[in-house]
Amino acid sequence: MRADPKQVKRLLNTARGQIDGILQMVQEDRYCVDISTQILAAVAVLKKANMTVLRAHLDGCLRETLAPEAQTKIAEIVDLMGKLD
């Protein structure tokens, strides 16, 4: 994996903590909207972790296997992915 393992682990541990909190909220029969809000927060962290891994793959692994002219296209995709966050 080309992504920074510390960053990816940090994000995944954050998501894990959020999910543990959500499970506690469900056990406590908390308000549905509050639970849903926390689920969305966990999803956002998982998306960020995924984008980190995919960006590293595009920028490292894929770039090495393609012709030099493809580098510009990869840079465009990485820039576009940054706007999805």
PDB file of N, CA and C in Angstrom:
ATOM      1  N   MET A   1       0.849  -1.175   0.000  1.00  0.00           N
ATOM      2  CA  MET A   1       0.000   0.000   0.000  1.00  0.00           C
ATOM      3  C   MET A   1       0.890   1.232   0.000  1.00  0.00           C
ATOM      4  N   ARG A   2       0.576   2.173  -0.870  1.00  0.00           N
ATOM      5  CA  ARG A   2       1.361   3.391  -1.005  1.00  0.00           C
ATOM      6  C   ARG A   2       0.907   4.512  -0.077  1.00  0.00           C
ATOM      7  N   ALA A   3      -0.318   4.430   0.403  1.00  0.00           N
ATOM      8  CA  ALA A   3      -0.838   5.464   1.301  1.00  0.00           C
ATOM      9  C   ALA A   3      -0.092   5.409   2.632  1.00  0.00           C
ATOM     10  N   ASP A   4      -0.077   6.530   3.326  1.00  0.00           N
ATOM     11  CA  ASP A   4       0.564   6.605   4.632  1.00  0.00           C
ATOM     12  C   ASP A   4      -0.203   5.709   5.609  1.00  0.00           C
ATOM     13  N   PRO A   5       0.409   4.613   6.042  1.00  0.00           N
ATOM     14  CA  PRO A   5      -0.302   3.673   6.915  1.00  0.00           C
ATOM     15  C   PRO A   5      -0.780   4.317   8.225  1.00  0.00           C
ATOM     16  N   LYS A   6       0.010   5.232   8.769  1.00  0.00           N
ATOM     17  CA  LYS A   6      -0.399   5.887  10.019  1.00  0.00           C
ATOM     18  C   LYS A   6      -1.676   6.693   9.817  1.00  0.00           C
ATOM     19  N   GLN A   7      -1.761   7.399   8.700  1.00  0.00           N
ATOM     20  CA  GLN A   7      -2.947   8.204   8.423  1.00  0.00           C
ATOM     21  C   GLN A   7      -4.164   7.313   8.210  1.00  0.00           C
ATOM     22  N   VAL A   8      -3.997   6.256   7.438  1.00  0.00           N
ATOM     23  CA  VAL A   8      -5.121   5.344   7.162  1.00  0.00           C
ATOM     24  C   VAL A   8      -5.573   4.667   8.456  1.00  0.00           C
ATOM     25  N   LYS A   9      -4.627   4.207   9.276  1.00  0.00           N
ATOM     26  CA  LYS A   9      -4.980   3.578  10.547  1.00  0.00           C
ATOM     27  C   LYS A   9      -5.715   4.559  11.461  1.00  0.00           C
ATOM     28  N   ARG A  10      -5.251   5.807  11.498  1.00  0.00           N
ATOM     29  CA  ARG A  10      -5.894   6.813  12.332  1.00  0.00           C
ATOM     30  C   ARG A  10      -7.352   7.004  11.911  1.00  0.00           C
ATOM     31  N   LEU A  11      -7.567   7.120  10.599  1.00  0.00           N
ATOM     32  CA  LEU A  11      -8.924   7.299  10.090  1.00  0.00           C
ATOM     33  C   LEU A  11      -9.803   6.087  10.401  1.00  0.00           C
ATOM     34  N   LEU A  12      -9.261   4.898  10.214  1.00  0.00           N
ATOM     35  CA  LEU A  12     -10.040   3.682  10.474  1.00  0.00           C
ATOM     36  C   LEU A  12     -10.329   3.510  11.964  1.00  0.00           C
ATOM     37  N   ASN A  13      -9.380   3.868  12.812  1.00  0.00           N
ATOM     38  CA  ASN A  13      -9.624   3.810  14.251  1.00  0.00           C
ATOM     39  C   ASN A  13     -10.682   4.826  14.674  1.00  0.00           C
ATOM     40  N   THR A  14     -10.679   5.982  14.021  1.00  0.00           N
ATOM     41  CA  THR A  14     -11.718   6.975  14.293  1.00  0.00           C
ATOM     42  C   THR A  14     -13.085   6.414  13.928  1.00  0.00           C
ATOM     43  N   ALA A  15     -13.178   5.795  12.760  1.00  0.00           N
ATOM     44  CA  ALA A  15     -14.443   5.198  12.325  1.00  0.00           C
ATOM     45  C   ALA A  15     -14.873   4.097  13.291  1.00  0.00           C
ATOM     46  N   ARG A  16     -13.919   3.291  13.716  1.00  0.00           N
ATOM     47  CA  ARG A  16     -14.232   2.220  14.669  1.00  0.00           C
ATOM     48  C   ARG A  16     -14.812   2.808  15.963  1.00  0.00           C
ATOM     49  N   GLY A  17     -14.198   3.865  16.462  1.00  0.00           N
ATOM     50  CA  GLY A  17     -14.693   4.516  17.665  1.00  0.00           C
ATOM     51  C   GLY A  17     -16.095   5.073  17.470  1.00  0.00           C
ATOM     52  N   GLN A  18     -16.315   5.662  16.296  1.00  0.00           N
ATOM     53  CA  GLN A  18     -17.646   6.195  16.011  1.00  0.00           C
ATOM     54  C   GLN A  18     -18.684   5.077  15.958  1.00  0.00           C
ATOM     55  N   ILE A  19     -18.333   3.974  15.336  1.00  0.00           N
ATOM     56  CA  ILE A  19     -19.267   2.850  15.233  1.00  0.00           C
ATOM     57  C   ILE A  19     -19.563   2.261  16.612  1.00  0.00           C
ATOM     58  N   ASP A  20     -18.531   2.168  17.456  1.00  0.00           N
ATOM     59  CA  ASP A  20     -18.772   1.701  18.829  1.00  0.00           C
ATOM     60  C   ASP A  20     -19.737   2.649  19.546  1.00  0.00           C
ATOM     61  N   GLY A  21     -19.566   3.943  19.323  1.00  0.00           N
ATOM     62  CA  GLY A  21     -20.470   4.923  19.917  1.00  0.00           C
ATOM     63  C   GLY A  21     -21.887   4.791  19.391  1.00  0.00           C
ATOM     64  N   ILE A  22     -22.004   4.510  18.105  1.00  0.00           N
ATOM     65  CA  ILE A  22     -23.330   4.333  17.502  1.00  0.00           C
ATOM     66  C   ILE A  22     -24.018   3.103  18.094  1.00  0.00           C
ATOM     67  N   LEU A  23     -23.274   2.021  18.258  1.00  0.00           N
ATOM     68  CA  LEU A  23     -23.845   0.817  18.864  1.00  0.00           C
ATOM     69  C   LEU A  23     -24.344   1.108  20.280  1.00  0.00           C
ATOM     70  N   GLN A  24     -23.595   1.891  21.021  1.00  0.00           N
ATOM     71  CA  GLN A  24     -24.018   2.279  22.365  1.00  0.00           C
ATOM     72  C   GLN A  24     -25.298   3.109  22.307  1.00  0.00           C
ATOM     73  N   MET A  25     -25.356   4.032  21.338  1.00  0.00           N
ATOM     74  CA  MET A  25     -26.559   4.849  21.179  1.00  0.00           C
ATOM     75  C   MET A  25     -27.781   3.980  20.886  1.00  0.00           C
ATOM     76  N   VAL A  26     -27.606   2.954  20.056  1.00  0.00           N
ATOM     77  CA  VAL A  26     -28.711   2.042  19.728  1.00  0.00           C
ATOM     78  C   VAL A  26     -29.152   1.290  20.977  1.00  0.00           C
ATOM     79  N   GLN A  27     -28.190   0.791  21.754  1.00  0.00           N
ATOM     80  CA  GLN A  27     -28.521   0.076  22.991  1.00  0.00           C
ATOM     81  C   GLN A  27     -29.272   0.970  23.968  1.00  0.00           C
ATOM     82  N   GLU A  28     -28.930   2.257  23.961  1.00  0.00           N
ATOM     83  CA  GLU A  28     -29.568   3.206  24.875  1.00  0.00           C
ATOM     84  C   GLU A  28     -30.887   3.746  24.318  1.00  0.00           C
ATOM     85  N   ASP A  29     -31.263   3.252  23.136  1.00  0.00           N
ATOM     86  CA  ASP A  29     -32.506   3.678  22.477  1.00  0.00           C
ATOM     87  C   ASP A  29     -32.555   5.199  22.304  1.00  0.00           C
ATOM     88  N   ARG A  30     -31.452   5.746  21.789  1.00  0.00           N
ATOM     89  CA  ARG A  30     -31.364   7.187  21.590  1.00  0.00           C
ATOM     90  C   ARG A  30     -32.194   7.609  20.381  1.00  0.00           C
ATOM     91  N   TYR A  31     -32.354   8.898  20.238  1.00  0.00           N
ATOM     92  CA  TYR A  31     -33.157   9.515  19.179  1.00  0.00           C
ATOM     93  C   TYR A  31     -32.609   9.118  17.800  1.00  0.00           C
ATOM     94  N   CYS A  32     -33.501   8.685  16.919  1.00  0.00           N
ATOM     95  CA  CYS A  32     -33.121   8.164  15.595  1.00  0.00           C
ATOM     96  C   CYS A  32     -32.282   9.151  14.781  1.00  0.00           C
ATOM     97  N   VAL A  33     -32.646  10.408  14.810  1.00  0.00           N
ATOM     98  CA  VAL A  33     -31.922  11.404  14.017  1.00  0.00           C
ATOM     99  C   VAL A  33     -30.488  11.550  14.529  1.00  0.00           C
ATOM    100  N   ASP A  34     -30.300  11.472  15.836  1.00  0.00           N
ATOM    101  CA  ASP A  34     -28.952  11.545  16.396  1.00  0.00           C
ATOM    102  C   ASP A  34     -28.120  10.341  15.950  1.00  0.00           C
ATOM    103  N   ILE A  35     -28.732   9.173  15.949  1.00  0.00           N
ATOM    104  CA  ILE A  35     -28.033   7.964  15.490  1.00  0.00           C
ATOM    105  C   ILE A  35     -27.671   8.094  14.013  1.00  0.00           C
ATOM    106  N   SER A  36     -28.619   8.543  13.220  1.00  0.00           N
ATOM    107  CA  SER A  36     -28.374   8.709  11.789  1.00  0.00           C
ATOM    108  C   SER A  36     -27.247   9.706  11.532  1.00  0.00           C
ATOM    109  N   THR A  37     -27.225  10.777  12.290  1.00  0.00           N
ATOM    110  CA  THR A  37     -26.164  11.780  12.143  1.00  0.00           C
ATOM    111  C   THR A  37     -24.799  11.157  12.422  1.00  0.00           C
ATOM    112  N   GLN A  38     -24.718  10.338  13.439  1.00  0.00           N
ATOM    113  CA  GLN A  38     -23.449   9.689  13.771  1.00  0.00           C
ATOM    114  C   GLN A  38     -23.053   8.650  12.719  1.00  0.00           C
ATOM    115  N   ILE A  39     -24.030   7.969  12.155  1.00  0.00           N
ATOM    116  CA  ILE A  39     -23.736   7.022  11.069  1.00  0.00           C
ATOM    117  C   ILE A  39     -23.145   7.773   9.883  1.00  0.00           C
ATOM    118  N   LEU A  40     -23.722   8.910   9.543  1.00  0.00           N
ATOM    119  CA  LEU A  40     -23.200   9.712   8.430  1.00  0.00           C
ATOM    120  C   LEU A  40     -21.772  10.184   8.708  1.00  0.00           C
ATOM    121  N   ALA A  41     -21.479  10.503   9.952  1.00  0.00           N
ATOM    122  CA  ALA A  41     -20.119  10.919  10.311  1.00  0.00           C
ATOM    123  C   ALA A  41     -19.135   9.769  10.118  1.00  0.00           C
ATOM    124  N   ALA A  42     -19.540   8.560  10.511  1.00  0.00           N
ATOM    125  CA  ALA A  42     -18.674   7.393  10.333  1.00  0.00           C
ATOM    126  C   ALA A  42     -18.461   7.094   8.850  1.00  0.00           C
ATOM    127  N   VAL A  43     -19.510   7.221   8.068  1.00  0.00           N
ATOM    128  CA  VAL A  43     -19.404   7.014   6.617  1.00  0.00           C
ATOM    129  C   VAL A  43     -18.424   8.018   6.009  1.00  0.00           C
ATOM    130  N   ALA A  44     -18.482   9.256   6.464  1.00  0.00           N
ATOM    131  CA  ALA A  44     -17.588  10.291   5.937  1.00  0.00           C
ATOM    132  C   ALA A  44     -16.125   9.958   6.231  1.00  0.00           C
ATOM    133  N   VAL A  45     -15.847   9.454   7.418  1.00  0.00           N
ATOM    134  CA  VAL A  45     -14.471   9.089   7.759  1.00  0.00           C
ATOM    135  C   VAL A  45     -14.017   7.898   6.914  1.00  0.00           C
ATOM    136  N   LEU A  46     -14.886   6.925   6.708  1.00  0.00           N
ATOM    137  CA  LEU A  46     -14.529   5.774   5.872  1.00  0.00           C
ATOM    138  C   LEU A  46     -14.287   6.203   4.422  1.00  0.00           C
ATOM    139  N   LYS A  47     -15.088   7.135   3.930  1.00  0.00           N
ATOM    140  CA  LYS A  47     -14.868   7.649   2.578  1.00  0.00           C
ATOM    141  C   LYS A  47     -13.517   8.340   2.479  1.00  0.00           C
ATOM    142  N   LYS A  48     -13.168   9.095   3.507  1.00  0.00           N
ATOM    143  CA  LYS A  48     -11.881   9.789   3.505  1.00  0.00           C
ATOM    144  C   LYS A  48     -10.724   8.788   3.506  1.00  0.00           C
ATOM    145  N   ALA A  49     -10.847   7.728   4.288  1.00  0.00           N
ATOM    146  CA  ALA A  49      -9.817   6.690   4.308  1.00  0.00           C
ATOM    147  C   ALA A  49      -9.692   6.040   2.937  1.00  0.00           C
ATOM    148  N   ASN A  50     -10.823   5.752   2.325  1.00  0.00           N
ATOM    149  CA  ASN A  50     -10.820   5.139   1.003  1.00  0.00           C
ATOM    150  C   ASN A  50     -10.181   6.063  -0.036  1.00  0.00           C
ATOM    151  N   MET A  51     -10.527   7.344   0.010  1.00  0.00           N
ATOM    152  CA  MET A  51      -9.948   8.308  -0.940  1.00  0.00           C
ATOM    153  C   MET A  51      -8.440   8.410  -0.750  1.00  0.00           C
ATOM    154  N   THR A  52      -7.978   8.339   0.478  1.00  0.00           N
ATOM    155  CA  THR A  52      -6.540   8.386   0.754  1.00  0.00           C
ATOM    156  C   THR A  52      -5.831   7.210   0.102  1.00  0.00           C
ATOM    157  N   VAL A  53      -6.411   6.024   0.241  1.00  0.00           N
ATOM    158  CA  VAL A  53      -5.816   4.820  -0.357  1.00  0.00           C
ATOM    159  C   VAL A  53      -5.872   4.902  -1.879  1.00  0.00           C
ATOM    160  N   LEU A  54      -6.999   5.320  -2.437  1.00  0.00           N
ATOM    161  CA  LEU A  54      -7.134   5.393  -3.896  1.00  0.00           C
ATOM    162  C   LEU A  54      -6.209   6.444  -4.507  1.00  0.00           C
ATOM    163  N   ARG A  55      -6.102   7.598  -3.848  1.00  0.00           N
ATOM    164  CA  ARG A  55      -5.186   8.631  -4.357  1.00  0.00           C
ATOM    165  C   ARG A  55      -3.761   8.115  -4.410  1.00  0.00           C
ATOM    166  N   ALA A  56      -3.351   7.439  -3.345  1.00  0.00           N
ATOM    167  CA  ALA A  56      -1.994   6.899  -3.301  1.00  0.00           C
ATOM    168  C   ALA A  56      -1.791   5.857  -4.400  1.00  0.00           C
ATOM    169  N   HIS A  57      -2.807   5.065  -4.644  1.00  0.00           N
ATOM    170  CA  HIS A  57      -2.710   4.056  -5.707  1.00  0.00           C
ATOM    171  C   HIS A  57      -2.557   4.731  -7.070  1.00  0.00           C
ATOM    172  N   LEU A  58      -3.401   5.711  -7.327  1.00  0.00           N
ATOM    173  CA  LEU A  58      -3.307   6.412  -8.614  1.00  0.00           C
ATOM    174  C   LEU A  58      -1.971   7.117  -8.765  1.00  0.00           C
ATOM    175  N   ASP A  59      -1.556   7.784  -7.715  1.00  0.00           N
ATOM    176  CA  ASP A  59      -0.347   8.586  -7.789  1.00  0.00           C
ATOM    177  C   ASP A  59       0.915   7.739  -7.787  1.00  0.00           C
ATOM    178  N   GLY A  60       0.870   6.551  -7.215  1.00  0.00           N
ATOM    179  CA  GLY A  60       2.058   5.717  -7.130  1.00  0.00           C
ATOM    180  C   GLY A  60       2.006   4.530  -8.068  1.00  0.00           C
ATOM    181  N   CYS A  61       1.234   3.536  -7.693  1.00  0.00           N
ATOM    182  CA  CYS A  61       1.196   2.271  -8.428  1.00  0.00           C
ATOM    183  C   CYS A  61       0.811   2.448  -9.897  1.00  0.00           C
ATOM    184  N   LEU A  62      -0.287   3.133 -10.130  1.00  0.00           N
ATOM    185  CA  LEU A  62      -0.778   3.269 -11.496  1.00  0.00           C
ATOM    186  C   LEU A  62       0.158   4.121 -12.348  1.00  0.00           C
ATOM    187  N   ARG A  63       0.657   5.198 -11.776  1.00  0.00           N
ATOM    188  CA  ARG A  63       1.547   6.090 -12.521  1.00  0.00           C
ATOM    189  C   ARG A  63       2.780   5.350 -13.030  1.00  0.00           C
ATOM    190  N   GLU A  64       3.291   4.437 -12.220  1.00  0.00           N
ATOM    191  CA  GLU A  64       4.495   3.689 -12.600  1.00  0.00           C
ATOM    192  C   GLU A  64       4.258   2.742 -13.769  1.00  0.00           C
ATOM    193  N   THR A  65       3.023   2.305 -13.951  1.00  0.00           N
ATOM    194  CA  THR A  65       2.744   1.318 -14.985  1.00  0.00           C
ATOM    195  C   THR A  65       2.315   1.926 -16.310  1.00  0.00           C
ATOM    196  N   LEU A  66       2.030   3.230 -16.330  1.00  0.00           N
ATOM    197  CA  LEU A  66       1.521   3.869 -17.544  1.00  0.00           C
ATOM    198  C   LEU A  66       2.601   4.698 -18.235  1.00  0.00           C
ATOM    199  N   ALA A  67       2.323   4.987 -19.482  1.00  0.00           N
ATOM    200  CA  ALA A  67       3.228   5.807 -20.280  1.00  0.00           C
ATOM    201  C   ALA A  67       3.309   7.221 -19.700  1.00  0.00           C
ATOM    202  N   PRO A  68       4.402   7.935 -19.959  1.00  0.00           N
ATOM    203  CA  PRO A  68       4.583   9.273 -19.406  1.00  0.00           C
ATOM    204  C   PRO A  68       3.439  10.244 -19.718  1.00  0.00           C
ATOM    205  N   GLU A  69       2.832  10.141 -20.892  1.00  0.00           N
ATOM    206  CA  GLU A  69       1.744  11.068 -21.239  1.00  0.00           C
ATOM    207  C   GLU A  69       0.490  10.843 -20.380  1.00  0.00           C
ATOM    208  N   ALA A  70       0.388   9.673 -19.775  1.00  0.00           N
ATOM    209  CA  ALA A  70      -0.753   9.386 -18.915  1.00  0.00           C
ATOM    210  C   ALA A  70      -0.650  10.109 -17.574  1.00  0.00           C
ATOM    211  N   GLN A  71       0.536  10.576 -17.237  1.00  0.00           N
ATOM    212  CA  GLN A  71       0.748  11.250 -15.951  1.00  0.00           C
ATOM    213  C   GLN A  71      -0.161  12.469 -15.804  1.00  0.00           C
ATOM    214  N   THR A  72      -0.367  13.204 -16.887  1.00  0.00           N
ATOM    215  CA  THR A  72      -1.237  14.380 -16.843  1.00  0.00           C
ATOM    216  C   THR A  72      -2.670  13.973 -16.524  1.00  0.00           C
ATOM    217  N   LYS A  73      -3.113  12.902 -17.141  1.00  0.00           N
ATOM    218  CA  LYS A  73      -4.481  12.431 -16.900  1.00  0.00           C
ATOM    219  C   LYS A  73      -4.653  11.943 -15.457  1.00  0.00           C
ATOM    220  N   ILE A  74      -3.651  11.292 -14.927  1.00  0.00           N
ATOM    221  CA  ILE A  74      -3.701  10.847 -13.539  1.00  0.00           C
ATOM    222  C   ILE A  74      -3.793  12.049 -12.609  1.00  0.00           C
ATOM    223  N   ALA A  75      -3.009  13.069 -12.880  1.00  0.00           N
ATOM    224  CA  ALA A  75      -3.051  14.286 -12.063  1.00  0.00           C
ATOM    225  C   ALA A  75      -4.442  14.910 -12.105  1.00  0.00           C
ATOM    226  N   GLU A  76      -5.079  14.895 -13.261  1.00  0.00           N
ATOM    227  CA  GLU A  76      -6.438  15.432 -13.381  1.00  0.00           C
ATOM    228  C   GLU A  76      -7.415  14.626 -12.520  1.00  0.00           C
ATOM    229  N   ILE A  77      -7.289  13.319 -12.548  1.00  0.00           N
ATOM    230  CA  ILE A  77      -8.191  12.470 -11.764  1.00  0.00           C
ATOM    231  C   ILE A  77      -7.977  12.694 -10.271  1.00  0.00           C
ATOM    232  N   VAL A  78      -6.728  12.777  -9.845  1.00  0.00           N
ATOM    233  CA  VAL A  78      -6.422  13.000  -8.432  1.00  0.00           C
ATOM    234  C   VAL A  78      -6.987  14.359  -7.993  1.00  0.00           C
ATOM    235  N   ASP A  79      -6.850  15.384  -8.821  1.00  0.00           N
ATOM    236  CA  ASP A  79      -7.407  16.699  -8.496  1.00  0.00           C
ATOM    237  C   ASP A  79      -8.924  16.626  -8.382  1.00  0.00           C
ATOM    238  N   LEU A  80      -9.557  15.928  -9.304  1.00  0.00           N
ATOM    239  CA  LEU A  80     -11.010  15.783  -9.280  1.00  0.00           C
ATOM    240  C   LEU A  80     -11.459  15.030  -8.032  1.00  0.00           C
ATOM    241  N   MET A  81     -10.741  13.981  -7.663  1.00  0.00           N
ATOM    242  CA  MET A  81     -11.073  13.219  -6.462  1.00  0.00           C
ATOM    243  C   MET A  81     -10.989  14.097  -5.226  1.00  0.00           C
ATOM    244  N   GLY A  82     -10.038  15.022  -5.217  1.00  0.00           N
ATOM    245  CA  GLY A  82      -9.910  15.947  -4.090  1.00  0.00           C
ATOM    246  C   GLY A  82     -11.123  16.819  -3.903  1.00  0.00           C
ATOM    247  N   LYS A  83     -11.829  17.082  -4.971  1.00  0.00           N
ATOM    248  CA  LYS A  83     -13.031  17.923  -4.908  1.00  0.00           C
ATOM    249  C   LYS A  83     -14.242  17.144  -4.411  1.00  0.00           C
ATOM    250  N   LEU A  84     -14.148  15.814  -4.366  1.00  0.00           N
ATOM    251  CA  LEU A  84     -15.247  14.980  -3.899  1.00  0.00           C
ATOM    252  C   LEU A  84     -15.323  14.907  -2.378  1.00  0.00           C
ATOM    253  N   ASP A  85     -14.253  15.263  -1.706  1.00  0.00           N
ATOM    254  CA  ASP A  85     -14.212  15.183  -0.229  1.00  0.00           C
ATOM    255  C   ASP A  85     -15.165  16.120   0.430  1.00  0.00           C
TER     256      ASP A  85
END
